Amino acid sequence: MKRRCAILNDYQNVALKMADWSILRDDVDITVFDRHLGDDAGNAEALRDFDIVCAMRERTPFRRPLLERLPKLRLLVTSA
């Protein structure tokens, strides 16, 4: 079963060009979100089926209420 990875807030659409993601191709489906997803409800709805979240900017806070609504989440990565 493939894992699902969300890349958040990539408003410049550069995330997939800044690193070689091809090594993950067989194991991970990557979805890039180029717009802010909004509040906790919007984030929970959009991210509920993802195992991995890469937060490219600190724009999306991952507080307890949001994390509790993401039961499939196994890895949260941040960069800034």
PDB file of N, CA and C in Angstrom:
ATOM      1  N   MET A   1       0.832  -1.172   0.000  1.00  0.00           N
ATOM      2  CA  MET A   1       0.000   0.000   0.000  1.00  0.00           C
ATOM      3  C   MET A   1       0.887   1.250   0.000  1.00  0.00           C
ATOM      4  N   LYS A   2       0.614   2.164  -0.909  1.00  0.00           N
ATOM      5  CA  LYS A   2       1.376   3.396  -0.987  1.00  0.00           C
ATOM      6  C   LYS A   2       0.977   4.356   0.123  1.00  0.00           C
ATOM      7  N   ARG A   3       1.956   5.050   0.639  1.00  0.00           N
ATOM      8  CA  ARG A   3       1.710   6.123   1.595  1.00  0.00           C
ATOM      9  C   ARG A   3       1.311   7.375   0.827  1.00  0.00           C
ATOM     10  N   ARG A   4       0.656   8.292   1.505  1.00  0.00           N
ATOM     11  CA  ARG A   4       0.267   9.560   0.884  1.00  0.00           C
ATOM     12  C   ARG A   4       0.975  10.692   1.606  1.00  0.00           C
ATOM     13  N   CYS A   5       1.589  11.573   0.835  1.00  0.00           N
ATOM     14  CA  CYS A   5       2.329  12.699   1.374  1.00  0.00           C
ATOM     15  C   CYS A   5       1.739  14.001   0.844  1.00  0.00           C
ATOM     16  N   ALA A   6       1.466  14.927   1.756  1.00  0.00           N
ATOM     17  CA  ALA A   6       0.979  16.259   1.383  1.00  0.00           C
ATOM     18  C   ALA A   6       2.094  17.269   1.595  1.00  0.00           C
ATOM     19  N   ILE A   7       2.329  18.091   0.595  1.00  0.00           N
ATOM     20  CA  ILE A   7       3.260  19.211   0.727  1.00  0.00           C
ATOM     21  C   ILE A   7       2.403  20.459   0.801  1.00  0.00           C
ATOM     22  N   LEU A   8       2.538  21.190   1.903  1.00  0.00           N
ATOM     23  CA  LEU A   8       1.659  22.331   2.156  1.00  0.00           C
ATOM     24  C   LEU A   8       2.289  23.663   1.776  1.00  0.00           C
ATOM     25  N   ASN A   9       1.423  24.579   1.375  1.00  0.00           N
ATOM     26  CA  ASN A   9       1.780  25.979   1.178  1.00  0.00           C
ATOM     27  C   ASN A   9       2.915  26.205   0.178  1.00  0.00           C
ATOM     28  N   ASP A  10       2.941  25.417  -0.859  1.00  0.00           N
ATOM     29  CA  ASP A  10       3.959  25.598  -1.900  1.00  0.00           C
ATOM     30  C   ASP A  10       3.435  26.594  -2.933  1.00  0.00           C
ATOM     31  N   TYR A  11       3.249  27.837  -2.491  1.00  0.00           N
ATOM     32  CA  TYR A  11       2.625  28.845  -3.347  1.00  0.00           C
ATOM     33  C   TYR A  11       3.462  29.201  -4.565  1.00  0.00           C
ATOM     34  N   GLN A  12       4.756  28.874  -4.558  1.00  0.00           N
ATOM     35  CA  GLN A  12       5.604  29.131  -5.719  1.00  0.00           C
ATOM     36  C   GLN A  12       5.748  27.896  -6.621  1.00  0.00           C
ATOM     37  N   ASN A  13       5.149  26.785  -6.205  1.00  0.00           N
ATOM     38  CA  ASN A  13       5.239  25.526  -6.957  1.00  0.00           C
ATOM     39  C   ASN A  13       6.683  25.134  -7.251  1.00  0.00           C
ATOM     40  N   VAL A  14       7.494  25.101  -6.206  1.00  0.00           N
ATOM     41  CA  VAL A  14       8.908  24.762  -6.366  1.00  0.00           C
ATOM     42  C   VAL A  14       9.333  23.504  -5.603  1.00  0.00           C
ATOM     43  N   ALA A  15       8.488  23.011  -4.722  1.00  0.00           N
ATOM     44  CA  ALA A  15       8.884  21.904  -3.843  1.00  0.00           C
ATOM     45  C   ALA A  15       9.380  20.687  -4.621  1.00  0.00           C
ATOM     46  N   LEU A  16       8.697  20.332  -5.677  1.00  0.00           N
ATOM     47  CA  LEU A  16       9.080  19.130  -6.423  1.00  0.00           C
ATOM     48  C   LEU A  16      10.315  19.355  -7.289  1.00  0.00           C
ATOM     49  N   LYS A  17      10.723  20.610  -7.440  1.00  0.00           N
ATOM     50  CA  LYS A  17      11.929  20.931  -8.211  1.00  0.00           C
ATOM     51  C   LYS A  17      13.151  21.096  -7.322  1.00  0.00           C
ATOM     52  N   MET A  18      12.944  21.313  -6.042  1.00  0.00           N
ATOM     53  CA  MET A  18      14.041  21.613  -5.120  1.00  0.00           C
ATOM     54  C   MET A  18      14.710  20.370  -4.543  1.00  0.00           C
ATOM     55  N   ALA A  19      14.147  19.218  -4.794  1.00  0.00           N
ATOM     56  CA  ALA A  19      14.717  17.960  -4.305  1.00  0.00           C
ATOM     57  C   ALA A  19      14.340  16.851  -5.279  1.00  0.00           C
ATOM     58  N   ASP A  20      15.066  15.762  -5.202  1.00  0.00           N
ATOM     59  CA  ASP A  20      14.766  14.606  -6.046  1.00  0.00           C
ATOM     60  C   ASP A  20      13.788  13.700  -5.299  1.00  0.00           C
ATOM     61  N   TRP A  21      12.530  13.837  -5.634  1.00  0.00           N
ATOM     62  CA  TRP A  21      11.474  13.059  -4.989  1.00  0.00           C
ATOM     63  C   TRP A  21      11.256  11.705  -5.675  1.00  0.00           C
ATOM     64  N   SER A  22      11.939  11.465  -6.775  1.00  0.00           N
ATOM     65  CA  SER A  22      11.698  10.256  -7.572  1.00  0.00           C
ATOM     66  C   SER A  22      11.988   8.971  -6.804  1.00  0.00           C
ATOM     67  N   ILE A  23      12.863   9.021  -5.845  1.00  0.00           N
ATOM     68  CA  ILE A  23      13.178   7.825  -5.061  1.00  0.00           C
ATOM     69  C   ILE A  23      11.948   7.306  -4.307  1.00  0.00           C
ATOM     70  N   LEU A  24      10.978   8.181  -4.084  1.00  0.00           N
ATOM     71  CA  LEU A  24       9.767   7.802  -3.349  1.00  0.00           C
ATOM     72  C   LEU A  24       8.653   7.295  -4.249  1.00  0.00           C
ATOM     73  N   ARG A  25       8.838   7.424  -5.544  1.00  0.00           N
ATOM     74  CA  ARG A  25       7.768   7.166  -6.519  1.00  0.00           C
ATOM     75  C   ARG A  25       7.024   5.851  -6.300  1.00  0.00           C
ATOM     76  N   ASP A  26       7.724   4.782  -5.987  1.00  0.00           N
ATOM     77  CA  ASP A  26       7.070   3.477  -5.844  1.00  0.00           C
ATOM     78  C   ASP A  26       6.313   3.306  -4.521  1.00  0.00           C
ATOM     79  N   ASP A  27       6.652   4.135  -3.545  1.00  0.00           N
ATOM     80  CA  ASP A  27       6.090   3.948  -2.206  1.00  0.00           C
ATOM     81  C   ASP A  27       5.187   5.072  -1.716  1.00  0.00           C
ATOM     82  N   VAL A  28       5.284   6.240  -2.361  1.00  0.00           N
ATOM     83  CA  VAL A  28       4.583   7.417  -1.843  1.00  0.00           C
ATOM     84  C   VAL A  28       3.916   8.189  -2.978  1.00  0.00           C
ATOM     85  N   ASP A  29       2.643   8.510  -2.793  1.00  0.00           N
ATOM     86  CA  ASP A  29       1.937   9.430  -3.685  1.00  0.00           C
ATOM     87  C   ASP A  29       2.034  10.820  -3.068  1.00  0.00           C
ATOM     88  N   ILE A  30       2.511  11.786  -3.842  1.00  0.00           N
ATOM     89  CA  ILE A  30       2.725  13.139  -3.343  1.00  0.00           C
ATOM     90  C   ILE A  30       1.670  14.080  -3.926  1.00  0.00           C
ATOM     91  N   THR A  31       1.071  14.863  -3.050  1.00  0.00           N
ATOM     92  CA  THR A  31       0.116  15.889  -3.449  1.00  0.00           C
ATOM     93  C   THR A  31       0.626  17.229  -2.949  1.00  0.00           C
ATOM     94  N   VAL A  32       0.725  18.187  -3.854  1.00  0.00           N
ATOM     95  CA  VAL A  32       1.193  19.525  -3.491  1.00  0.00           C
ATOM     96  C   VAL A  32      -0.005  20.463  -3.382  1.00  0.00           C
ATOM     97  N   PHE A  33      -0.084  21.157  -2.256  1.00  0.00           N
ATOM     98  CA  PHE A  33      -1.112  22.179  -2.053  1.00  0.00           C
ATOM     99  C   PHE A  33      -0.442  23.534  -2.201  1.00  0.00           C
ATOM    100  N   ASP A  34      -0.842  24.287  -3.209  1.00  0.00           N
ATOM    101  CA  ASP A  34      -0.203  25.582  -3.453  1.00  0.00           C
ATOM    102  C   ASP A  34      -0.959  26.743  -2.816  1.00  0.00           C
ATOM    103  N   ARG A  35      -2.028  26.436  -2.125  1.00  0.00           N
ATOM    104  CA  ARG A  35      -2.802  27.466  -1.434  1.00  0.00           C
ATOM    105  C   ARG A  35      -2.976  27.075   0.028  1.00  0.00           C
ATOM    106  N   HIS A  36      -3.086  28.087   0.858  1.00  0.00           N
ATOM    107  CA  HIS A  36      -3.336  27.866   2.283  1.00  0.00           C
ATOM    108  C   HIS A  36      -4.691  27.175   2.435  1.00  0.00           C
ATOM    109  N   LEU A  37      -4.758  26.158   3.269  1.00  0.00           N
ATOM    110  CA  LEU A  37      -5.979  25.372   3.416  1.00  0.00           C
ATOM    111  C   LEU A  37      -6.977  25.970   4.400  1.00  0.00           C
ATOM    112  N   GLY A  38      -6.583  26.991   5.116  1.00  0.00           N
ATOM    113  CA  GLY A  38      -7.524  27.652   6.013  1.00  0.00           C
ATOM    114  C   GLY A  38      -7.361  27.257   7.460  1.00  0.00           C
ATOM    115  N   ASP A  39      -8.481  27.112   8.133  1.00  0.00           N
ATOM    116  CA  ASP A  39      -8.499  26.822   9.567  1.00  0.00           C
ATOM    117  C   ASP A  39      -8.364  25.320   9.831  1.00  0.00           C
ATOM    118  N   ASP A  40      -8.481  24.939  11.095  1.00  0.00           N
ATOM    119  CA  ASP A  40      -8.346  23.518  11.458  1.00  0.00           C
ATOM    120  C   ASP A  40      -9.333  22.635  10.706  1.00  0.00           C
ATOM    121  N   ALA A  41     -10.553  23.109  10.524  1.00  0.00           N
ATOM    122  CA  ALA A  41     -11.562  22.300   9.820  1.00  0.00           C
ATOM    123  C   ALA A  41     -11.145  22.073   8.370  1.00  0.00           C
ATOM    124  N   GLY A  42     -10.664  23.113   7.713  1.00  0.00           N
ATOM    125  CA  GLY A  42     -10.211  22.979   6.332  1.00  0.00           C
ATOM    126  C   GLY A  42      -9.003  22.084   6.216  1.00  0.00           C
ATOM    127  N   ASN A  43      -8.071  22.219   7.146  1.00  0.00           N
ATOM    128  CA  ASN A  43      -6.882  21.362   7.151  1.00  0.00           C
ATOM    129  C   ASN A  43      -7.251  19.911   7.422  1.00  0.00           C
ATOM    130  N   ALA A  44      -8.111  19.689   8.392  1.00  0.00           N
ATOM    131  CA  ALA A  44      -8.514  18.324   8.734  1.00  0.00           C
ATOM    132  C   ALA A  44      -9.199  17.648   7.551  1.00  0.00           C
ATOM    133  N   GLU A  45     -10.057  18.370   6.870  1.00  0.00           N
ATOM    134  CA  GLU A  45     -10.757  17.808   5.714  1.00  0.00           C
ATOM    135  C   GLU A  45      -9.785  17.467   4.593  1.00  0.00           C
ATOM    136  N   ALA A  46      -8.881  18.372   4.290  1.00  0.00           N
ATOM    137  CA  ALA A  46      -7.950  18.171   3.181  1.00  0.00           C
ATOM    138  C   ALA A  46      -6.890  17.121   3.481  1.00  0.00           C
ATOM    139  N   LEU A  47      -6.492  16.987   4.733  1.00  0.00           N
ATOM    140  CA  LEU A  47      -5.348  16.135   5.091  1.00  0.00           C
ATOM    141  C   LEU A  47      -5.719  14.821   5.750  1.00  0.00           C
ATOM    142  N   ARG A  48      -6.983  14.530   5.900  1.00  0.00           N
ATOM    143  CA  ARG A  48      -7.410  13.367   6.685  1.00  0.00           C
ATOM    144  C   ARG A  48      -6.885  12.031   6.165  1.00  0.00           C
ATOM    145  N   ASP A  49      -6.592  11.913   4.873  1.00  0.00           N
ATOM    146  CA  ASP A  49      -6.136  10.641   4.318  1.00  0.00           C
ATOM    147  C   ASP A  49      -4.629  10.571   4.085  1.00  0.00           C
ATOM    148  N   PHE A  50      -3.893  11.543   4.624  1.00  0.00           N
ATOM    149  CA  PHE A  50      -2.443  11.572   4.414  1.00  0.00           C
ATOM    150  C   PHE A  50      -1.691  10.976   5.594  1.00  0.00           C
ATOM    151  N   ASP A  51      -0.636  10.223   5.275  1.00  0.00           N
ATOM    152  CA  ASP A  51       0.240   9.627   6.281  1.00  0.00           C
ATOM    153  C   ASP A  51       1.383  10.577   6.640  1.00  0.00           C
ATOM    154  N   ILE A  52       1.769  11.404   5.670  1.00  0.00           N
ATOM    155  CA  ILE A  52       2.923  12.287   5.810  1.00  0.00           C
ATOM    156  C   ILE A  52       2.500  13.695   5.405  1.00  0.00           C
ATOM    157  N   VAL A  53       2.933  14.674   6.188  1.00  0.00           N
ATOM    158  CA  VAL A  53       2.695  16.072   5.839  1.00  0.00           C
ATOM    159  C   VAL A  53       4.032  16.800   5.902  1.00  0.00           C
ATOM    160  N   CYS A  54       4.363  17.484   4.819  1.00  0.00           N
ATOM    161  CA  CYS A  54       5.544  18.347   4.761  1.00  0.00           C
ATOM    162  C   CYS A  54       5.047  19.787   4.761  1.00  0.00           C
ATOM    163  N   ALA A  55       5.247  20.468   5.874  1.00  0.00           N
ATOM    164  CA  ALA A  55       4.809  21.855   6.001  1.00  0.00           C
ATOM    165  C   ALA A  55       5.969  22.751   5.586  1.00  0.00           C
ATOM    166  N   MET A  56       5.835  23.361   4.409  1.00  0.00           N
ATOM    167  CA  MET A  56       6.942  24.157   3.875  1.00  0.00           C
ATOM    168  C   MET A  56       7.093  25.492   4.578  1.00  0.00           C
ATOM    169  N   ARG A  57       6.068  25.973   5.158  1.00  0.00           N
ATOM    170  CA  ARG A  57       6.115  27.246   5.866  1.00  0.00           C
ATOM    171  C   ARG A  57       5.356  27.107   7.178  1.00  0.00           C
ATOM    172  N   GLU A  58       5.617  28.004   8.075  1.00  0.00           N
ATOM    173  CA  GLU A  58       4.994  27.922   9.396  1.00  0.00           C
ATOM    174  C   GLU A  58       3.572  28.456   9.405  1.00  0.00           C
ATOM    175  N   ARG A  59       2.980  28.539   8.257  1.00  0.00           N
ATOM    176  CA  ARG A  59       1.646  29.110   8.121  1.00  0.00           C
ATOM    177  C   ARG A  59       0.541  28.221   8.690  1.00  0.00           C
ATOM    178  N   THR A  60       0.783  26.944   8.775  1.00  0.00           N
ATOM    179  CA  THR A  60      -0.232  26.006   9.254  1.00  0.00           C
ATOM    180  C   THR A  60       0.168  25.470  10.623  1.00  0.00           C
ATOM    181  N   PRO A  61      -0.484  25.941  11.687  1.00  0.00           N
ATOM    182  CA  PRO A  61      -0.158  25.420  13.016  1.00  0.00           C
ATOM    183  C   PRO A  61      -0.753  24.023  13.206  1.00  0.00           C
ATOM    184  N   PHE A  62       0.036  23.122  13.752  1.00  0.00           N
ATOM    185  CA  PHE A  62      -0.435  21.767  14.032  1.00  0.00           C
ATOM    186  C   PHE A  62      -0.564  21.609  15.542  1.00  0.00           C
ATOM    187  N   ARG A  63      -1.669  22.126  16.047  1.00  0.00           N
ATOM    188  CA  ARG A  63      -1.964  22.006  17.470  1.00  0.00           C
ATOM    189  C   ARG A  63      -2.758  20.727  17.721  1.00  0.00           C
ATOM    190  N   ARG A  64      -2.880  20.399  18.963  1.00  0.00           N
ATOM    191  CA  ARG A  64      -3.557  19.151  19.357  1.00  0.00           C
ATOM    192  C   ARG A  64      -4.911  18.937  18.679  1.00  0.00           C
ATOM    193  N   PRO A  65      -5.811  19.939  18.651  1.00  0.00           N
ATOM    194  CA  PRO A  65      -7.120  19.690  18.029  1.00  0.00           C
ATOM    195  C   PRO A  65      -7.020  19.243  16.562  1.00  0.00           C
ATOM    196  N   LEU A  66      -6.085  19.805  15.813  1.00  0.00           N
ATOM    197  CA  LEU A  66      -5.919  19.377  14.422  1.00  0.00           C
ATOM    198  C   LEU A  66      -5.304  17.986  14.366  1.00  0.00           C
ATOM    199  N   LEU A  67      -4.256  17.758  15.130  1.00  0.00           N
ATOM    200  CA  LEU A  67      -3.599  16.447  15.116  1.00  0.00           C
ATOM    201  C   LEU A  67      -4.576  15.330  15.495  1.00  0.00           C
ATOM    202  N   GLU A  68      -5.481  15.594  16.409  1.00  0.00           N
ATOM    203  CA  GLU A  68      -6.465  14.590  16.815  1.00  0.00           C
ATOM    204  C   GLU A  68      -7.433  14.250  15.686  1.00  0.00           C
ATOM    205  N   ARG A  69      -7.552  15.134  14.714  1.00  0.00           N
ATOM    206  CA  ARG A  69      -8.451  14.897  13.575  1.00  0.00           C
ATOM    207  C   ARG A  69      -7.732  14.266  12.389  1.00  0.00           C
ATOM    208  N   LEU A  70      -6.465  13.914  12.568  1.00  0.00           N
ATOM    209  CA  LEU A  70      -5.667  13.310  11.492  1.00  0.00           C
ATOM    210  C   LEU A  70      -5.155  11.938  11.939  1.00  0.00           C
ATOM    211  N   PRO A  71      -6.036  10.949  12.037  1.00  0.00           N
ATOM    212  CA  PRO A  71      -5.646   9.642  12.585  1.00  0.00           C
ATOM    213  C   PRO A  71      -4.638   8.874  11.736  1.00  0.00           C
ATOM    214  N   LYS A  72      -4.530   9.166  10.456  1.00  0.00           N
ATOM    215  CA  LYS A  72      -3.584   8.446   9.600  1.00  0.00           C
ATOM    216  C   LYS A  72      -2.182   9.064   9.612  1.00  0.00           C
ATOM    217  N   LEU A  73      -2.055  10.275  10.140  1.00  0.00           N
ATOM    218  CA  LEU A  73      -0.777  10.984  10.130  1.00  0.00           C
ATOM    219  C   LEU A  73       0.269  10.232  10.940  1.00  0.00           C
ATOM    220  N   ARG A  74       1.412   9.968  10.307  1.00  0.00           N
ATOM    221  CA  ARG A  74       2.507   9.257  10.953  1.00  0.00           C
ATOM    222  C   ARG A  74       3.783  10.082  11.007  1.00  0.00           C
ATOM    223  N   LEU A  75       3.892  11.072  10.109  1.00  0.00           N
ATOM    224  CA  LEU A  75       5.114  11.874  10.054  1.00  0.00           C
ATOM    225  C   LEU A  75       4.750  13.294   9.666  1.00  0.00           C
ATOM    226  N   LEU A  76       5.226  14.249  10.464  1.00  0.00           N
ATOM    227  CA  LEU A  76       5.039  15.668  10.188  1.00  0.00           C
ATOM    228  C   LEU A  76       6.427  16.291  10.084  1.00  0.00           C
ATOM    229  N   VAL A  77       6.736  16.851   8.933  1.00  0.00           N
ATOM    230  CA  VAL A  77       8.039  17.443   8.653  1.00  0.00           C
ATOM    231  C   VAL A  77       7.845  18.927   8.408  1.00  0.00           C
ATOM    232  N   THR A  78       8.709  19.743   8.982  1.00  0.00           N
ATOM    233  CA  THR A  78       8.632  21.178   8.729  1.00  0.00           C
ATOM    234  C   THR A  78       9.964  21.675   8.169  1.00  0.00           C
ATOM    235  N   SER A  79       9.886  22.682   7.359  1.00  0.00           N
ATOM    236  CA  SER A  79      11.084  23.346   6.866  1.00  0.00           C
ATOM    237  C   SER A  79      10.800  24.829   6.836  1.00  0.00           C
ATOM    238  N   ALA A  80      11.809  25.601   7.009  1.00  0.00           N
ATOM    239  CA  ALA A  80      11.626  27.045   6.967  1.00  0.00           C
ATOM    240  C   ALA A  80      12.970  27.697   6.729  1.00  0.00           C
TER     241      ALA A  80
END
